Amino acid sequence: MRIIILLFFLSITVFSNENFKIDLLSGLKGGTYFQISQEIKDNLKDVVDVNVETSQGAIDNMLSMMSKSNSGFIILQEDVLNYFFINKRSALQLVKKFDEKCSPEKMEQFLNSIRAFIPLYSEEIHVVVQKDSDIKGIKGLNGKKVNLGAEKSGTRLTSAILFHIAGVNVEKSHFEDSKALELLMSGEIDAIILVGGVPLDSLKYIPDGKIKLLSIQDDSFKGYYNSATIPSGRYSWQKEDTLTYSTKAIMVSQKTDTSLVCASKKRFAEELLKKIPALQSYGHKKWEQVNPKLSIKDLQTEECVEPIVKKWIEEHTKMEKATENTTNP
């Protein structure tokens, strides 16, 4: 009996809340990834120690995961992930710009290890130009000076995909958002492309009459991106609806190979799913779009958290049916 009691208290010590630690790789400070991640950290702080790390964006997050420097979760764009799976040769060339030692075998091993957790929200493509610019549509950027976000950002890859489809060539730069906006308003560059959930902090406080969003919907993009609208007024200086496209932000991980990391992932998943209603009520506007019932195409769910996600879906499906029966007898 003494041995059983001792083991019980040892188990409490080994699996106390202090041991549930997880890394969450987000994005640039002020970006939607970072804001969402900070809200997760703040809401889970009593049960999981979430270490929010900044990065340059989706490509940087992929590189971090590939190097196994992040054993928790990362947030990235679905189009970036799809690019890595569909265009493996080009993706390897991109990775080699930052990691010369990466081999096809390492790339394949990495892609096979990626596991899904939950889809998050839509990220809108913002094409920003000067208020008095005469540029029209994505093809109007041909030959222009365009800033495409940080070198390791998902914006870089999204822009490359858009330009390739549209047959557009631009003079590229990779300044930080604040510097890029400064250069845009001074006329040193012609446009900025930003990808992120509306509203972006970097665009919130621009004086009226300085910039505008460019509508870029074009038949050539059908089947590649989802059509989206940034409604007028989402930014104080935005006077009309902007027709654009979006990609999905998703949270992924790697296949877990240790029981301790698996335990932390389980606790993180349980607590985050519990907190979603509160986050949708009080957090960033984009939490309203988060629906764990949606699947992530062609990606296997992380084995550690799959039973937890399935249980959450079953419970919420029952609740929705009960509500329907109550409101529509």
C-alpha atoms as a PDB file:
ATOM      1  CA  MET A   1       0.000   0.000   0.000  1.00  0.00           C
ATOM      2  CA  ARG A   2       2.862   2.410   0.867  1.00  0.00           C
ATOM      3  CA  ILE A   3       4.465   1.673  -2.506  1.00  0.00           C
ATOM      4  CA  ILE A   4       1.183   2.405  -4.335  1.00  0.00           C
ATOM      5  CA  ILE A   5       0.740   5.702  -2.457  1.00  0.00           C
ATOM      6  CA  LEU A   6       4.369   6.638  -3.186  1.00  0.00           C
ATOM      7  CA  LEU A   7       3.921   5.903  -6.889  1.00  0.00           C
ATOM      8  CA  PHE A   8       0.731   7.966  -6.925  1.00  0.00           C
ATOM      9  CA  PHE A   9       2.463  11.025  -5.514  1.00  0.00           C
ATOM     10  CA  LEU A  10       5.429  10.497  -7.827  1.00  0.00           C
ATOM     11  CA  SER A  11       3.054  10.485 -10.806  1.00  0.00           C
ATOM     12  CA  ILE A  12       1.590  13.797  -9.634  1.00  0.00           C
ATOM     13  CA  THR A  13       5.098  15.240  -9.409  1.00  0.00           C
ATOM     14  CA  VAL A  14       6.171  13.935 -12.805  1.00  0.00           C
ATOM     15  CA  PHE A  15       3.002  15.159 -14.558  1.00  0.00           C
ATOM     16  CA  SER A  16       2.349  18.399 -12.652  1.00  0.00           C
ATOM     17  CA  ASN A  17       1.263  21.448 -14.626  1.00  0.00           C
ATOM     18  CA  GLU A  18       4.821  22.767 -14.507  1.00  0.00           C
ATOM     19  CA  ASN A  19       5.889  19.861 -16.714  1.00  0.00           C
ATOM     20  CA  PHE A  20       3.405  20.656 -19.455  1.00  0.00           C
ATOM     21  CA  LYS A  21       5.493  22.941 -21.613  1.00  0.00           C
ATOM     22  CA  ILE A  22       5.122  23.467 -25.339  1.00  0.00           C
ATOM     23  CA  ASP A  23       6.712  25.677 -27.978  1.00  0.00           C
ATOM     24  CA  LEU A  24       4.436  27.617 -30.324  1.00  0.00           C
ATOM     25  CA  LEU A  25       6.200  29.201 -33.278  1.00  0.00           C
ATOM     26  CA  SER A  26       4.241  32.184 -34.567  1.00  0.00           C
ATOM     27  CA  GLY A  27       5.436  35.070 -36.748  1.00  0.00           C
ATOM     28  CA  LEU A  28       6.503  38.698 -36.649  1.00  0.00           C
ATOM     29  CA  LYS A  29       5.487  40.801 -33.644  1.00  0.00           C
ATOM     30  CA  GLY A  30       2.311  42.685 -34.504  1.00  0.00           C
ATOM     31  CA  GLY A  31       1.229  40.089 -37.066  1.00  0.00           C
ATOM     32  CA  THR A  32      -1.905  37.960 -36.716  1.00  0.00           C
ATOM     33  CA  TYR A  33       0.094  34.782 -35.981  1.00  0.00           C
ATOM     34  CA  PHE A  34       1.782  36.492 -33.048  1.00  0.00           C
ATOM     35  CA  GLN A  35      -1.448  37.998 -31.680  1.00  0.00           C
ATOM     36  CA  ILE A  36      -3.286  34.670 -31.876  1.00  0.00           C
ATOM     37  CA  SER A  37      -0.359  32.864 -30.239  1.00  0.00           C
ATOM     38  CA  GLN A  38      -0.150  35.371 -27.386  1.00  0.00           C
ATOM     39  CA  GLU A  39      -3.858  34.919 -26.699  1.00  0.00           C
ATOM     40  CA  ILE A  40      -3.351  31.149 -26.574  1.00  0.00           C
ATOM     41  CA  LYS A  41      -0.457  31.609 -24.140  1.00  0.00           C
ATOM     42  CA  ASP A  42      -2.464  33.939 -21.885  1.00  0.00           C
ATOM     43  CA  ASN A  43      -5.535  31.679 -21.806  1.00  0.00           C
ATOM     44  CA  LEU A  44      -3.600  28.460 -21.127  1.00  0.00           C
ATOM     45  CA  LYS A  45      -1.064  29.843 -18.648  1.00  0.00           C
ATOM     46  CA  ASP A  46      -2.607  28.093 -15.619  1.00  0.00           C
ATOM     47  CA  VAL A  47      -2.298  24.606 -17.142  1.00  0.00           C
ATOM     48  CA  VAL A  48       0.325  24.732 -19.909  1.00  0.00           C
ATOM     49  CA  ASP A  49       3.490  26.793 -20.177  1.00  0.00           C
ATOM     50  CA  VAL A  50       3.288  27.965 -23.803  1.00  0.00           C
ATOM     51  CA  ASN A  51       6.532  29.413 -25.098  1.00  0.00           C
ATOM     52  CA  VAL A  52       5.594  31.745 -27.966  1.00  0.00           C
ATOM     53  CA  GLU A  53       8.495  32.279 -30.343  1.00  0.00           C
ATOM     54  CA  THR A  54       8.624  34.912 -33.055  1.00  0.00           C
ATOM     55  CA  SER A  55       9.794  34.237 -36.593  1.00  0.00           C
ATOM     56  CA  GLN A  56       9.835  35.813 -40.057  1.00  0.00           C
ATOM     57  CA  GLY A  57       6.736  33.819 -41.009  1.00  0.00           C
ATOM     58  CA  ALA A  58       5.584  30.570 -42.597  1.00  0.00           C
ATOM     59  CA  ILE A  59       8.782  29.616 -44.450  1.00  0.00           C
ATOM     60  CA  ASP A  60      10.866  30.395 -41.366  1.00  0.00           C
ATOM     61  CA  ASN A  61       8.528  28.197 -39.310  1.00  0.00           C
ATOM     62  CA  MET A  62       8.949  25.332 -41.798  1.00  0.00           C
ATOM     63  CA  LEU A  63      12.746  25.691 -41.642  1.00  0.00           C
ATOM     64  CA  SER A  64      12.619  25.660 -37.847  1.00  0.00           C
ATOM     65  CA  MET A  65      10.526  22.512 -37.809  1.00  0.00           C
ATOM     66  CA  MET A  66      12.850  20.883 -40.346  1.00  0.00           C
ATOM     67  CA  SER A  67      15.838  21.535 -38.108  1.00  0.00           C
ATOM     68  CA  LYS A  68      13.856  20.022 -35.186  1.00  0.00           C
ATOM     69  CA  SER A  69      14.551  23.126 -33.121  1.00  0.00           C
ATOM     70  CA  ASN A  70      10.805  23.325 -32.433  1.00  0.00           C
ATOM     71  CA  SER A  71       9.154  20.235 -30.956  1.00  0.00           C
ATOM     72  CA  GLY A  72       5.750  21.817 -30.378  1.00  0.00           C
ATOM     73  CA  PHE A  73       3.378  23.456 -32.855  1.00  0.00           C
ATOM     74  CA  ILE A  74       3.832  25.960 -35.638  1.00  0.00           C
ATOM     75  CA  ILE A  75       1.392  28.185 -37.523  1.00  0.00           C
ATOM     76  CA  LEU A  76       1.751  28.488 -41.262  1.00  0.00           C
ATOM     77  CA  GLN A  77      -0.125  29.174 -44.481  1.00  0.00           C
ATOM     78  CA  GLU A  78      -1.850  26.320 -46.256  1.00  0.00           C
ATOM     79  CA  ASP A  79      -0.576  27.476 -49.667  1.00  0.00           C
ATOM     80  CA  VAL A  80       3.015  27.320 -48.367  1.00  0.00           C
ATOM     81  CA  LEU A  81       2.482  23.782 -47.097  1.00  0.00           C
ATOM     82  CA  ASN A  82       0.843  22.733 -50.369  1.00  0.00           C
ATOM     83  CA  TYR A  83       3.754  24.222 -52.324  1.00  0.00           C
ATOM     84  CA  PHE A  84       6.220  22.107 -50.354  1.00  0.00           C
ATOM     85  CA  PHE A  85       4.209  18.945 -51.026  1.00  0.00           C
ATOM     86  CA  ILE A  86       3.380  19.570 -54.692  1.00  0.00           C
ATOM     87  CA  ASN A  87       6.561  21.308 -55.901  1.00  0.00           C
ATOM     88  CA  LYS A  88       9.187  19.348 -53.981  1.00  0.00           C
ATOM     89  CA  ARG A  89      12.086  20.172 -56.301  1.00  0.00           C
ATOM     90  CA  SER A  90      11.397  23.925 -56.204  1.00  0.00           C
ATOM     91  CA  ALA A  91      10.774  23.773 -52.440  1.00  0.00           C
ATOM     92  CA  LEU A  92      14.144  22.090 -51.949  1.00  0.00           C
ATOM     93  CA  GLN A  93      15.849  24.839 -53.971  1.00  0.00           C
ATOM     94  CA  LEU A  94      14.135  27.430 -51.776  1.00  0.00           C
ATOM     95  CA  VAL A  95      15.245  25.685 -48.566  1.00  0.00           C
ATOM     96  CA  LYS A  96      18.823  25.413 -49.864  1.00  0.00           C
ATOM     97  CA  LYS A  97      19.015  29.210 -49.966  1.00  0.00           C
ATOM     98  CA  PHE A  98      18.909  29.087 -46.169  1.00  0.00           C
ATOM     99  CA  ASP A  99      20.272  25.575 -45.502  1.00  0.00           C
ATOM    100  CA  GLU A 100      22.826  24.423 -48.074  1.00  0.00           C
ATOM    101  CA  LYS A 101      23.108  20.974 -46.454  1.00  0.00           C
ATOM    102  CA  CYS A 102      19.452  20.064 -46.974  1.00  0.00           C
ATOM    103  CA  SER A 103      19.158  16.951 -49.155  1.00  0.00           C
ATOM    104  CA  PRO A 104      16.194  15.430 -51.036  1.00  0.00           C
ATOM    105  CA  GLU A 105      16.162  12.632 -48.453  1.00  0.00           C
ATOM    106  CA  LYS A 106      15.999  15.093 -45.554  1.00  0.00           C
ATOM    107  CA  MET A 107      13.231  17.022 -47.280  1.00  0.00           C
ATOM    108  CA  GLU A 108      11.188  13.858 -47.881  1.00  0.00           C
ATOM    109  CA  GLN A 109      11.672  12.716 -44.293  1.00  0.00           C
ATOM    110  CA  PHE A 110      10.543  16.117 -43.059  1.00  0.00           C
ATOM    111  CA  LEU A 111       7.415  16.213 -45.240  1.00  0.00           C
ATOM    112  CA  ASN A 112       6.466  12.688 -44.112  1.00  0.00           C
ATOM    113  CA  SER A 113       6.728  13.793 -40.467  1.00  0.00           C
ATOM    114  CA  ILE A 114       4.303  16.743 -40.703  1.00  0.00           C
ATOM    115  CA  ARG A 115       1.052  16.253 -38.821  1.00  0.00           C
ATOM    116  CA  ALA A 116      -2.063  18.414 -38.607  1.00  0.00           C
ATOM    117  CA  PHE A 117      -3.676  19.786 -35.463  1.00  0.00           C
ATOM    118  CA  ILE A 118      -6.447  22.223 -36.435  1.00  0.00           C
ATOM    119  CA  PRO A 119      -7.206  24.708 -39.214  1.00  0.00           C
ATOM    120  CA  LEU A 120      -7.401  28.278 -37.966  1.00  0.00           C
ATOM    121  CA  TYR A 121      -8.676  31.189 -40.062  1.00  0.00           C
ATOM    122  CA  SER A 122      -8.489  32.810 -43.500  1.00  0.00           C
ATOM    123  CA  GLU A 123      -5.535  35.058 -44.269  1.00  0.00           C
ATOM    124  CA  GLU A 124      -6.312  37.768 -46.780  1.00  0.00           C
ATOM    125  CA  ILE A 125      -3.842  38.938 -49.414  1.00  0.00           C
ATOM    126  CA  HIS A 126      -3.344  42.708 -49.084  1.00  0.00           C
ATOM    127  CA  VAL A 127      -1.820  44.595 -52.005  1.00  0.00           C
ATOM    128  CA  VAL A 128      -1.078  48.103 -50.748  1.00  0.00           C
ATOM    129  CA  VAL A 129      -0.322  51.069 -53.041  1.00  0.00           C
ATOM    130  CA  GLN A 130      -0.237  54.848 -52.677  1.00  0.00           C
ATOM    131  CA  LYS A 131      -3.625  56.560 -52.468  1.00  0.00           C
ATOM    132  CA  ASP A 132      -3.152  58.299 -55.835  1.00  0.00           C
ATOM    133  CA  SER A 133      -1.584  55.284 -57.595  1.00  0.00           C
ATOM    134  CA  ASP A 134      -2.924  54.430 -61.053  1.00  0.00           C
ATOM    135  CA  ILE A 135      -1.942  50.745 -60.734  1.00  0.00           C
ATOM    136  CA  LYS A 136      -4.886  48.445 -61.482  1.00  0.00           C
ATOM    137  CA  GLY A 137      -5.061  44.719 -60.749  1.00  0.00           C
ATOM    138  CA  ILE A 138      -2.255  42.263 -60.178  1.00  0.00           C
ATOM    139  CA  LYS A 139      -0.973  42.650 -63.743  1.00  0.00           C
ATOM    140  CA  GLY A 140      -0.530  46.358 -63.159  1.00  0.00           C
ATOM    141  CA  LEU A 141       2.395  45.467 -60.897  1.00  0.00           C
ATOM    142  CA  ASN A 142       4.449  44.230 -63.866  1.00  0.00           C
ATOM    143  CA  GLY A 143       7.811  46.012 -63.870  1.00  0.00           C
ATOM    144  CA  LYS A 144       7.070  47.772 -60.562  1.00  0.00           C
ATOM    145  CA  LYS A 145       9.068  47.841 -57.319  1.00  0.00           C
ATOM    146  CA  VAL A 146       7.178  45.582 -54.911  1.00  0.00           C
ATOM    147  CA  ASN A 147       7.980  44.577 -51.328  1.00  0.00           C
ATOM    148  CA  LEU A 148       7.194  40.926 -50.626  1.00  0.00           C
ATOM    149  CA  GLY A 149       7.663  40.678 -46.881  1.00  0.00           C
ATOM    150  CA  ALA A 150      10.599  39.117 -45.026  1.00  0.00           C
ATOM    151  CA  GLU A 151      12.761  36.643 -46.938  1.00  0.00           C
ATOM    152  CA  LYS A 152      11.472  33.684 -44.924  1.00  0.00           C
ATOM    153  CA  SER A 153       7.844  34.788 -44.812  1.00  0.00           C
ATOM    154  CA  GLY A 154       4.902  33.012 -46.378  1.00  0.00           C
ATOM    155  CA  THR A 155       4.132  36.289 -48.169  1.00  0.00           C
ATOM    156  CA  ARG A 156       7.254  35.785 -50.261  1.00  0.00           C
ATOM    157  CA  LEU A 157       5.992  32.445 -51.548  1.00  0.00           C
ATOM    158  CA  THR A 158       2.362  33.548 -51.973  1.00  0.00           C
ATOM    159  CA  SER A 159       3.567  36.505 -54.053  1.00  0.00           C
ATOM    160  CA  ALA A 160       5.746  34.253 -56.192  1.00  0.00           C
ATOM    161  CA  ILE A 161       2.780  31.966 -56.876  1.00  0.00           C
ATOM    162  CA  LEU A 162       0.507  34.888 -57.804  1.00  0.00           C
ATOM    163  CA  PHE A 163       3.096  36.463 -60.094  1.00  0.00           C
ATOM    164  CA  HIS A 164       3.849  33.148 -61.784  1.00  0.00           C
ATOM    165  CA  ILE A 165       0.162  32.514 -62.538  1.00  0.00           C
ATOM    166  CA  ALA A 166      -0.398  36.084 -63.760  1.00  0.00           C
ATOM    167  CA  GLY A 167       2.822  36.216 -65.784  1.00  0.00           C
ATOM    168  CA  VAL A 168       4.068  39.231 -63.845  1.00  0.00           C
ATOM    169  CA  ASN A 169       7.697  40.223 -63.212  1.00  0.00           C
ATOM    170  CA  VAL A 170       8.526  42.741 -60.478  1.00  0.00           C
ATOM    171  CA  GLU A 171      11.564  44.308 -58.860  1.00  0.00           C
ATOM    172  CA  LYS A 172      11.512  42.554 -55.471  1.00  0.00           C
ATOM    173  CA  SER A 173      12.489  43.754 -51.999  1.00  0.00           C
ATOM    174  CA  HIS A 174      12.140  42.175 -48.553  1.00  0.00           C
ATOM    175  CA  PHE A 175      11.936  45.011 -46.019  1.00  0.00           C
ATOM    176  CA  GLU A 176      10.117  44.736 -42.700  1.00  0.00           C
ATOM    177  CA  ASP A 177       6.526  46.030 -42.868  1.00  0.00           C
ATOM    178  CA  SER A 178       7.172  49.364 -41.136  1.00  0.00           C
ATOM    179  CA  LYS A 179      10.150  50.157 -43.367  1.00  0.00           C
ATOM    180  CA  ALA A 180       8.253  49.043 -46.488  1.00  0.00           C
ATOM    181  CA  LEU A 181       5.321  51.337 -45.644  1.00  0.00           C
ATOM    182  CA  GLU A 182       7.728  54.232 -45.137  1.00  0.00           C
ATOM    183  CA  LEU A 183       9.294  53.573 -48.564  1.00  0.00           C
ATOM    184  CA  LEU A 184       5.865  53.218 -50.191  1.00  0.00           C
ATOM    185  CA  MET A 185       4.598  56.551 -48.877  1.00  0.00           C
ATOM    186  CA  SER A 186       7.825  58.277 -49.957  1.00  0.00           C
ATOM    187  CA  GLY A 187       7.436  56.832 -53.453  1.00  0.00           C
ATOM    188  CA  GLU A 188      10.615  54.721 -53.374  1.00  0.00           C
ATOM    189  CA  ILE A 189       8.631  51.519 -53.982  1.00  0.00           C
ATOM    190  CA  ASP A 190       5.323  51.065 -55.800  1.00  0.00           C
ATOM    191  CA  ALA A 191       3.482  48.422 -53.775  1.00  0.00           C
ATOM    192  CA  ILE A 192       3.586  46.135 -50.747  1.00  0.00           C
ATOM    193  CA  ILE A 193       2.109  42.655 -50.487  1.00  0.00           C
ATOM    194  CA  LEU A 194       1.035  41.466 -47.036  1.00  0.00           C
ATOM    195  CA  VAL A 195      -0.674  38.187 -46.171  1.00  0.00           C
ATOM    196  CA  GLY A 196      -2.502  37.947 -42.866  1.00  0.00           C
ATOM    197  CA  GLY A 197      -5.809  37.974 -41.058  1.00  0.00           C
ATOM    198  CA  VAL A 198      -7.729  41.250 -41.235  1.00  0.00           C
ATOM    199  CA  PRO A 199      -7.091  43.608 -39.529  1.00  0.00           C
ATOM    200  CA  LEU A 200      -3.296  43.732 -39.682  1.00  0.00           C
ATOM    201  CA  ASP A 201      -1.730  45.845 -36.945  1.00  0.00           C
ATOM    202  CA  SER A 202       0.826  47.261 -39.369  1.00  0.00           C
ATOM    203  CA  LEU A 203      -1.977  48.866 -41.419  1.00  0.00           C
ATOM    204  CA  LYS A 204      -4.287  50.021 -38.634  1.00  0.00           C
ATOM    205  CA  TYR A 205      -2.827  53.402 -37.865  1.00  0.00           C
ATOM    206  CA  ILE A 206      -1.863  54.801 -41.267  1.00  0.00           C
ATOM    207  CA  PRO A 207      -3.099  58.403 -41.753  1.00  0.00           C
ATOM    208  CA  ASP A 208      -6.052  58.797 -44.089  1.00  0.00           C
ATOM    209  CA  GLY A 209      -5.218  59.746 -47.670  1.00  0.00           C
ATOM    210  CA  LYS A 210      -1.850  57.973 -47.744  1.00  0.00           C
ATOM    211  CA  ILE A 211      -2.529  54.437 -49.030  1.00  0.00           C
ATOM    212  CA  LYS A 212      -5.231  52.181 -50.452  1.00  0.00           C
ATOM    213  CA  LEU A 213      -5.822  48.465 -51.056  1.00  0.00           C
ATOM    214  CA  LEU A 214      -5.729  47.169 -54.616  1.00  0.00           C
ATOM    215  CA  SER A 215      -8.462  44.807 -55.832  1.00  0.00           C
ATOM    216  CA  ILE A 216      -6.726  41.882 -57.529  1.00  0.00           C
ATOM    217  CA  GLN A 217      -9.372  39.296 -58.422  1.00  0.00           C
ATOM    218  CA  ASP A 218      -8.609  37.763 -61.804  1.00  0.00           C
ATOM    219  CA  ASP A 219      -9.948  34.662 -63.588  1.00  0.00           C
ATOM    220  CA  SER A 220      -6.414  33.228 -63.796  1.00  0.00           C
ATOM    221  CA  PHE A 221      -6.379  32.659 -60.015  1.00  0.00           C
ATOM    222  CA  LYS A 222      -9.513  30.495 -59.895  1.00  0.00           C
ATOM    223  CA  GLY A 223      -8.726  27.094 -58.417  1.00  0.00           C
ATOM    224  CA  TYR A 224      -5.569  28.318 -56.706  1.00  0.00           C
ATOM    225  CA  TYR A 225      -6.916  30.645 -54.011  1.00  0.00           C
ATOM    226  CA  ASN A 226     -10.283  31.345 -52.412  1.00  0.00           C
ATOM    227  CA  SER A 227     -11.972  34.599 -53.385  1.00  0.00           C
ATOM    228  CA  ALA A 228     -12.218  37.018 -50.477  1.00  0.00           C
ATOM    229  CA  THR A 229     -13.454  40.525 -49.732  1.00  0.00           C
ATOM    230  CA  ILE A 230     -11.929  42.971 -47.278  1.00  0.00           C
ATOM    231  CA  PRO A 231     -15.010  45.069 -46.416  1.00  0.00           C
ATOM    232  CA  SER A 232     -14.751  48.839 -46.399  1.00  0.00           C
ATOM    233  CA  GLY A 233     -13.948  50.287 -43.003  1.00  0.00           C
ATOM    234  CA  ARG A 234     -11.857  47.375 -41.728  1.00  0.00           C
ATOM    235  CA  TYR A 235      -9.094  49.967 -41.791  1.00  0.00           C
ATOM    236  CA  SER A 236      -9.960  53.591 -40.997  1.00  0.00           C
ATOM    237  CA  TRP A 237      -8.527  54.791 -44.332  1.00  0.00           C
ATOM    238  CA  GLN A 238     -10.237  52.085 -46.442  1.00  0.00           C
ATOM    239  CA  LYS A 239     -13.250  53.635 -48.140  1.00  0.00           C
ATOM    240  CA  GLU A 240     -14.525  50.755 -50.307  1.00  0.00           C
ATOM    241  CA  ASP A 241     -14.645  46.959 -50.468  1.00  0.00           C
ATOM    242  CA  THR A 242     -11.473  45.293 -51.762  1.00  0.00           C
ATOM    243  CA  LEU A 243     -11.735  42.117 -53.845  1.00  0.00           C
ATOM    244  CA  THR A 244      -8.832  39.801 -53.159  1.00  0.00           C
ATOM    245  CA  TYR A 245      -7.942  36.193 -52.257  1.00  0.00           C
ATOM    246  CA  SER A 246      -7.172  34.264 -49.108  1.00  0.00           C
ATOM    247  CA  THR A 247      -5.313  31.222 -47.879  1.00  0.00           C
ATOM    248  CA  LYS A 248      -5.890  29.300 -44.651  1.00  0.00           C
ATOM    249  CA  ALA A 249      -3.726  29.576 -41.531  1.00  0.00           C
ATOM    250  CA  ILE A 250      -3.229  26.139 -39.986  1.00  0.00           C
ATOM    251  CA  MET A 251      -1.543  24.742 -36.896  1.00  0.00           C
ATOM    252  CA  VAL A 252       0.694  21.741 -37.475  1.00  0.00           C
ATOM    253  CA  SER A 253       3.346  19.718 -35.710  1.00  0.00           C
ATOM    254  CA  GLN A 254       5.712  16.826 -36.323  1.00  0.00           C
ATOM    255  CA  LYS A 255       5.106  13.209 -35.470  1.00  0.00           C
ATOM    256  CA  THR A 256       5.926  12.873 -31.766  1.00  0.00           C
ATOM    257  CA  ASP A 257       8.695  10.505 -30.735  1.00  0.00           C
ATOM    258  CA  THR A 258       8.763  10.949 -26.925  1.00  0.00           C
ATOM    259  CA  SER A 259       6.081  10.340 -24.304  1.00  0.00           C
ATOM    260  CA  LEU A 260       6.798  13.599 -22.458  1.00  0.00           C
ATOM    261  CA  VAL A 261       6.296  15.751 -25.573  1.00  0.00           C
ATOM    262  CA  CYS A 262       3.182  13.728 -26.414  1.00  0.00           C
ATOM    263  CA  ALA A 263       1.754  14.397 -22.944  1.00  0.00           C
ATOM    264  CA  SER A 264       2.369  18.126 -23.348  1.00  0.00           C
ATOM    265  CA  LYS A 265       0.723  18.135 -26.774  1.00  0.00           C
ATOM    266  CA  LYS A 266      -2.321  16.351 -25.385  1.00  0.00           C
ATOM    267  CA  ARG A 267      -2.733  18.833 -22.549  1.00  0.00           C
ATOM    268  CA  PHE A 268      -2.216  21.753 -24.944  1.00  0.00           C
ATOM    269  CA  ALA A 269      -4.850  20.381 -27.349  1.00  0.00           C
ATOM    270  CA  GLU A 270      -7.396  19.672 -24.594  1.00  0.00           C
ATOM    271  CA  GLU A 271      -7.064  23.099 -23.038  1.00  0.00           C
ATOM    272  CA  LEU A 272      -7.003  25.032 -26.313  1.00  0.00           C
ATOM    273  CA  LEU A 273     -10.165  23.319 -27.572  1.00  0.00           C
ATOM    274  CA  LYS A 274     -11.880  24.139 -24.257  1.00  0.00           C
ATOM    275  CA  LYS A 275     -10.908  27.794 -24.590  1.00  0.00           C
ATOM    276  CA  ILE A 276     -12.105  28.314 -28.169  1.00  0.00           C
ATOM    277  CA  PRO A 277     -15.571  29.682 -27.164  1.00  0.00           C
ATOM    278  CA  ALA A 278     -13.965  32.263 -24.862  1.00  0.00           C
ATOM    279  CA  LEU A 279     -11.376  33.187 -27.495  1.00  0.00           C
ATOM    280  CA  GLN A 280     -14.134  33.605 -30.069  1.00  0.00           C
ATOM    281  CA  SER A 281     -15.963  35.971 -27.711  1.00  0.00           C
ATOM    282  CA  TYR A 282     -13.079  38.068 -26.427  1.00  0.00           C
ATOM    283  CA  GLY A 283     -10.016  37.403 -28.602  1.00  0.00           C
ATOM    284  CA  HIS A 284      -8.869  38.520 -32.022  1.00  0.00           C
ATOM    285  CA  LYS A 285     -11.690  38.818 -34.560  1.00  0.00           C
ATOM    286  CA  LYS A 286     -10.208  35.908 -36.537  1.00  0.00           C
ATOM    287  CA  TRP A 287     -11.042  33.407 -33.766  1.00  0.00           C
ATOM    288  CA  GLU A 288     -14.639  33.542 -35.030  1.00  0.00           C
ATOM    289  CA  GLN A 289     -13.507  31.590 -38.123  1.00  0.00           C
ATOM    290  CA  VAL A 290     -11.769  28.796 -36.188  1.00  0.00           C
ATOM    291  CA  ASN A 291     -13.587  25.479 -36.591  1.00  0.00           C
ATOM    292  CA  PRO A 292     -11.720  22.311 -35.515  1.00  0.00           C
ATOM    293  CA  LYS A 293     -14.386  20.227 -37.336  1.00  0.00           C
ATOM    294  CA  LEU A 294     -12.862  21.229 -40.665  1.00  0.00           C
ATOM    295  CA  SER A 295     -10.189  18.920 -42.043  1.00  0.00           C
ATOM    296  CA  ILE A 296      -6.798  19.839 -43.454  1.00  0.00           C
ATOM    297  CA  LYS A 297      -6.609  18.319 -46.920  1.00  0.00           C
ATOM    298  CA  ASP A 298      -4.160  15.450 -47.496  1.00  0.00           C
ATOM    299  CA  LEU A 299      -2.560  15.769 -44.061  1.00  0.00           C
ATOM    300  CA  GLN A 300      -2.671  13.156 -41.307  1.00  0.00           C
ATOM    301  CA  THR A 301      -3.628  14.363 -37.835  1.00  0.00           C
ATOM    302  CA  GLU A 302      -0.975  14.218 -35.111  1.00  0.00           C
ATOM    303  CA  GLU A 303      -1.476  10.855 -33.386  1.00  0.00           C
ATOM    304  CA  CYS A 304      -1.133  12.329 -29.896  1.00  0.00           C
ATOM    305  CA  VAL A 305      -3.991  14.781 -30.318  1.00  0.00           C
ATOM    306  CA  GLU A 306      -6.228  12.934 -32.809  1.00  0.00           C
ATOM    307  CA  PRO A 307      -8.427  11.241 -30.131  1.00  0.00           C
ATOM    308  CA  ILE A 308      -8.854  14.592 -28.376  1.00  0.00           C
ATOM    309  CA  VAL A 309      -9.917  16.372 -31.563  1.00  0.00           C
ATOM    310  CA  LYS A 310     -12.312  13.525 -32.467  1.00  0.00           C
ATOM    311  CA  LYS A 311     -13.903  13.636 -29.008  1.00  0.00           C
ATOM    312  CA  TRP A 312     -14.329  17.423 -29.258  1.00  0.00           C
ATOM    313  CA  ILE A 313     -15.972  17.077 -32.683  1.00  0.00           C
ATOM    314  CA  GLU A 314     -18.349  14.337 -31.476  1.00  0.00           C
ATOM    315  CA  GLU A 315     -19.406  16.360 -28.425  1.00  0.00           C
ATOM    316  CA  HIS A 316     -19.988  19.546 -30.412  1.00  0.00           C
ATOM    317  CA  THR A 317     -21.869  17.693 -33.145  1.00  0.00           C
ATOM    318  CA  LYS A 318     -24.237  16.301 -30.485  1.00  0.00           C
ATOM    319  CA  MET A 319     -24.663  19.768 -28.955  1.00  0.00           C
ATOM    320  CA  GLU A 320     -25.445  21.298 -32.361  1.00  0.00           C
ATOM    321  CA  LYS A 321     -28.051  18.595 -33.089  1.00  0.00           C
ATOM    322  CA  ALA A 322     -29.633  19.085 -29.658  1.00  0.00           C
ATOM    323  CA  THR A 323     -29.807  22.816 -30.286  1.00  0.00           C
ATOM    324  CA  GLU A 324     -31.416  22.256 -33.681  1.00  0.00           C
ATOM    325  CA  ASN A 325     -34.038  19.968 -32.155  1.00  0.00           C
ATOM    326  CA  THR A 326     -34.782  22.560 -29.467  1.00  0.00           C
ATOM    327  CA  THR A 327     -35.107  25.520 -31.828  1.00  0.00           C
ATOM    328  CA  ASN A 328     -36.844  23.548 -34.605  1.00  0.00           C
ATOM    329  CA  PRO A 329     -39.146  20.973 -32.895  1.00  0.00           C
END
